Amino acid sequence: MKIHRIASTGAALDFDAAIKRASAVADELIGENMLLSWYDRERDLESPAHVSECHEGCPIKGFWDYALNRGGALAVDFDDGRFVFCFRPLGEFVPPQ
């Protein structure tokens, strides 16, 4: 999975602002897409919920493994893991015009 890193450089960045920016980056880099998973380090929350329970003691976080095994192609990472959003392109699901 390609990682696109963004440093917020002290700007006020909360979860809502981060997900909007990550979605815009994903649209630009991989086109039409779907958000597969995310992680919010400050609140220690992830989606899908509880995916890390099976990864306790593992070096790979559950949200990351979940995305990798479902076609994740892009991770947008803010401030070295503060917020991470994993996307997959939808190109293969779009019917030809």
Protein backbone atom coordinates (compact mmCIF):
# COMPACT_ATOMS: atom_id res chain seq x y z
CA MET A 1 0.00 0.00 0.00
CA LYS A 2 1.35 3.41 -0.96
CA ILE A 3 1.67 5.84 1.94
CA HIS A 4 1.06 9.54 1.41
CA ARG A 5 2.43 11.42 4.43
CA ILE A 6 1.16 14.83 5.48
CA ALA A 7 2.66 16.96 8.24
CA SER A 8 0.06 19.28 9.72
CA THR A 9 2.84 21.69 10.81
CA GLY A 10 1.01 22.85 13.89
CA ALA A 11 -2.22 23.67 12.09
CA ALA A 12 -5.37 22.94 14.06
CA LEU A 13 -6.26 19.53 12.69
CA ASP A 14 -9.02 17.45 14.17
CA PHE A 15 -10.48 14.17 12.93
CA ASP A 16 -13.15 15.81 10.76
CA ALA A 17 -10.65 18.08 9.02
CA ALA A 18 -8.21 15.20 8.56
CA ILE A 19 -10.76 12.86 6.97
CA LYS A 20 -11.91 15.58 4.56
CA ARG A 21 -8.33 16.29 3.52
CA ALA A 22 -7.51 12.57 3.25
CA SER A 23 -10.55 12.01 1.03
CA ALA A 24 -9.51 14.86 -1.25
CA VAL A 25 -5.98 13.43 -1.49
CA ALA A 26 -7.36 9.97 -2.28
CA ASP A 27 -9.64 11.40 -4.99
CA GLU A 28 -6.65 13.13 -6.57
CA LEU A 29 -4.24 10.18 -6.35
CA ILE A 30 -6.41 7.11 -7.04
CA GLY A 31 -9.68 8.49 -8.43
CA GLU A 32 -13.03 7.19 -7.24
CA ASN A 33 -12.41 5.30 -4.03
CA MET A 34 -13.74 3.78 -0.85
CA LEU A 35 -12.47 4.38 2.68
CA LEU A 36 -11.67 0.94 4.09
CA SER A 37 -10.30 1.73 7.53
CA TRP A 38 -8.92 4.48 9.71
CA TYR A 39 -7.08 5.09 12.97
CA ASP A 40 -7.21 8.04 15.37
CA ARG A 41 -4.25 7.81 17.76
CA GLU A 42 -5.39 10.66 20.03
CA ARG A 43 -8.66 8.91 20.89
CA ASP A 44 -7.28 5.39 20.31
CA LEU A 45 -10.19 4.65 17.97
CA GLU A 46 -10.22 2.64 14.77
CA SER A 47 -12.64 1.54 12.14
CA PRO A 48 -13.75 -1.10 11.66
CA ALA A 49 -14.16 -1.26 15.42
CA HIS A 50 -12.19 -3.90 17.29
CA VAL A 51 -10.07 -5.10 14.31
CA SER A 52 -6.94 -4.77 16.44
CA GLU A 53 -8.23 -7.17 19.09
CA CYS A 54 -7.02 -10.08 16.94
CA HIS A 55 -3.65 -8.37 16.50
CA GLU A 56 -2.72 -7.91 20.13
CA GLY A 57 1.03 -8.29 20.39
CA CYS A 58 1.46 -8.18 16.61
CA PRO A 59 3.61 -5.55 14.89
CA ILE A 60 0.82 -4.84 12.34
CA LYS A 61 -2.18 -2.84 13.53
CA GLY A 62 -5.59 -4.32 12.81
CA PHE A 63 -6.89 -1.38 10.75
CA TRP A 64 -3.81 -1.67 8.48
CA ASP A 65 -4.10 -5.42 8.02
CA TYR A 66 -7.82 -5.07 7.33
CA ALA A 67 -7.15 -2.60 4.51
CA LEU A 68 -4.28 -4.63 3.05
CA ASN A 69 -6.47 -7.71 2.81
CA ARG A 70 -9.30 -5.84 1.12
CA GLY A 71 -7.46 -4.14 -1.72
CA GLY A 72 -6.12 -1.10 0.09
CA ALA A 73 -3.93 0.89 -2.26
CA LEU A 74 -3.40 4.21 -0.48
CA ALA A 75 -2.87 5.24 3.13
CA VAL A 76 -3.00 8.92 4.00
CA ASP A 77 -0.95 9.38 7.18
CA PHE A 78 -1.05 12.62 9.16
CA ASP A 79 1.79 13.43 11.55
CA ASP A 80 3.39 9.97 11.65
CA GLY A 81 0.28 8.05 12.64
CA ARG A 82 -1.80 10.68 14.41
CA PHE A 83 -4.56 9.97 11.88
CA VAL A 84 -4.34 7.27 9.21
CA PHE A 85 -6.94 6.64 6.49
CA CYS A 86 -6.74 3.64 4.14
CA PHE A 87 -8.47 3.69 0.74
CA ARG A 88 -9.00 1.36 -2.22
CA PRO A 89 -9.79 2.48 -5.76
CA LEU A 90 -13.21 1.62 -7.15
CA GLY A 91 -12.17 1.53 -10.80
CA GLU A 92 -12.74 -2.22 -11.10
CA PHE A 93 -16.35 -1.83 -9.88
CA VAL A 94 -17.37 1.01 -12.18
CA PRO A 95 -19.33 -0.23 -15.20
CA PRO A 96 -17.95 0.88 -18.59
CA GLN A 97 -19.72 3.88 -20.09
